[in-house]
Each structure stands twice: as structure tokens, then as C-alpha cells.
Amino acid sequence: MKHIPRPVLTDAKILTAAELNRIHFSDKHTKLTPAQLKKLSAS
């Protein structure tokens, strides 16, 4: 069996149910701008 190492996620946080509901997984790719990414990482 192939062993897949777990990544070390030092900056990860557990999301609340409301935060998980805002995430949408679909085939449509949303174009994120650098400004949007910076805003998301700051919140």
C-alpha cells in the first residue's frame, strides 16, 4: 500500500459551518484577483 505523507499545516484553521457554507465546489472556476486573495487571507 502506498504511504501518502500528511502535510504540515501550521497556518490552517478549523472552519465553522457558516464559513464552510460559503465555499462552493463546482466545475466553474472563479477568477480570483490578487486583491481578493489578500482580503481572504486577512480575514
C-alpha atoms as a PDB file:
ATOM      1  CA  MET A   1       0.000   0.000   0.000  1.00  0.00           C
ATOM      2  CA  LYS A   2       1.308   3.431  -0.917  1.00  0.00           C
ATOM      3  CA  HIS A   3       2.022   5.734   2.040  1.00  0.00           C
ATOM      4  CA  ILE A   4       0.897   9.321   1.490  1.00  0.00           C
ATOM      5  CA  PRO A   5       2.519  11.724   3.964  1.00  0.00           C
ATOM      6  CA  ARG A   6       0.262  14.196   5.746  1.00  0.00           C
ATOM      7  CA  PRO A   7       1.154  17.830   5.055  1.00  0.00           C
ATOM      8  CA  VAL A   8       2.220  20.044   7.933  1.00  0.00           C
ATOM      9  CA  LEU A   9      -0.429  22.745   8.129  1.00  0.00           C
ATOM     10  CA  THR A  10       0.838  25.274  10.642  1.00  0.00           C
ATOM     11  CA  ASP A  11      -1.373  28.168   9.489  1.00  0.00           C
ATOM     12  CA  ALA A  12      -4.567  26.148   8.962  1.00  0.00           C
ATOM     13  CA  LYS A  13      -7.676  26.828  10.995  1.00  0.00           C
ATOM     14  CA  ILE A  14     -10.878  24.898  11.570  1.00  0.00           C
ATOM     15  CA  LEU A  15     -13.767  26.444   9.658  1.00  0.00           C
ATOM     16  CA  THR A  16     -17.184  26.994  11.170  1.00  0.00           C
ATOM     17  CA  ALA A  17     -20.322  25.680   9.500  1.00  0.00           C
ATOM     18  CA  ALA A  18     -21.127  29.160   8.167  1.00  0.00           C
ATOM     19  CA  GLU A  19     -17.648  29.501   6.645  1.00  0.00           C
ATOM     20  CA  LEU A  20     -17.927  26.066   5.037  1.00  0.00           C
ATOM     21  CA  ASN A  21     -21.300  27.017   3.540  1.00  0.00           C
ATOM     22  CA  ARG A  22     -19.689  29.971   1.747  1.00  0.00           C
ATOM     23  CA  ILE A  23     -17.312  27.636  -0.094  1.00  0.00           C
ATOM     24  CA  HIS A  24     -18.734  26.313  -3.357  1.00  0.00           C
ATOM     25  CA  PHE A  25     -17.100  23.421  -5.192  1.00  0.00           C
ATOM     26  CA  SER A  26     -18.124  23.190  -8.825  1.00  0.00           C
ATOM     27  CA  ASP A  27     -16.736  22.807 -12.329  1.00  0.00           C
ATOM     28  CA  LYS A  28     -16.886  26.558 -12.861  1.00  0.00           C
ATOM     29  CA  HIS A  29     -13.627  28.235 -11.944  1.00  0.00           C
ATOM     30  CA  THR A  30     -13.844  31.657 -10.354  1.00  0.00           C
ATOM     31  CA  LYS A  31     -11.057  34.037 -11.247  1.00  0.00           C
ATOM     32  CA  LEU A  32      -9.572  35.377  -8.031  1.00  0.00           C
ATOM     33  CA  THR A  33      -7.596  38.565  -8.250  1.00  0.00           C
ATOM     34  CA  PRO A  34      -4.536  39.197  -6.060  1.00  0.00           C
ATOM     35  CA  ALA A  35      -6.572  41.800  -4.146  1.00  0.00           C
ATOM     36  CA  GLN A  36      -9.319  39.263  -3.434  1.00  0.00           C
ATOM     37  CA  LEU A  37      -6.765  36.698  -2.263  1.00  0.00           C
ATOM     38  CA  LYS A  38      -5.137  39.217   0.050  1.00  0.00           C
ATOM     39  CA  LYS A  39      -8.550  40.147   1.504  1.00  0.00           C
ATOM     40  CA  LEU A  40      -9.430  36.470   2.022  1.00  0.00           C
ATOM     41  CA  SER A  41      -6.129  35.707   3.740  1.00  0.00           C
ATOM     42  CA  ALA A  42      -6.524  38.712   6.061  1.00  0.00           C
ATOM     43  CA  SER A  43      -9.957  37.646   7.289  1.00  0.00           C
END
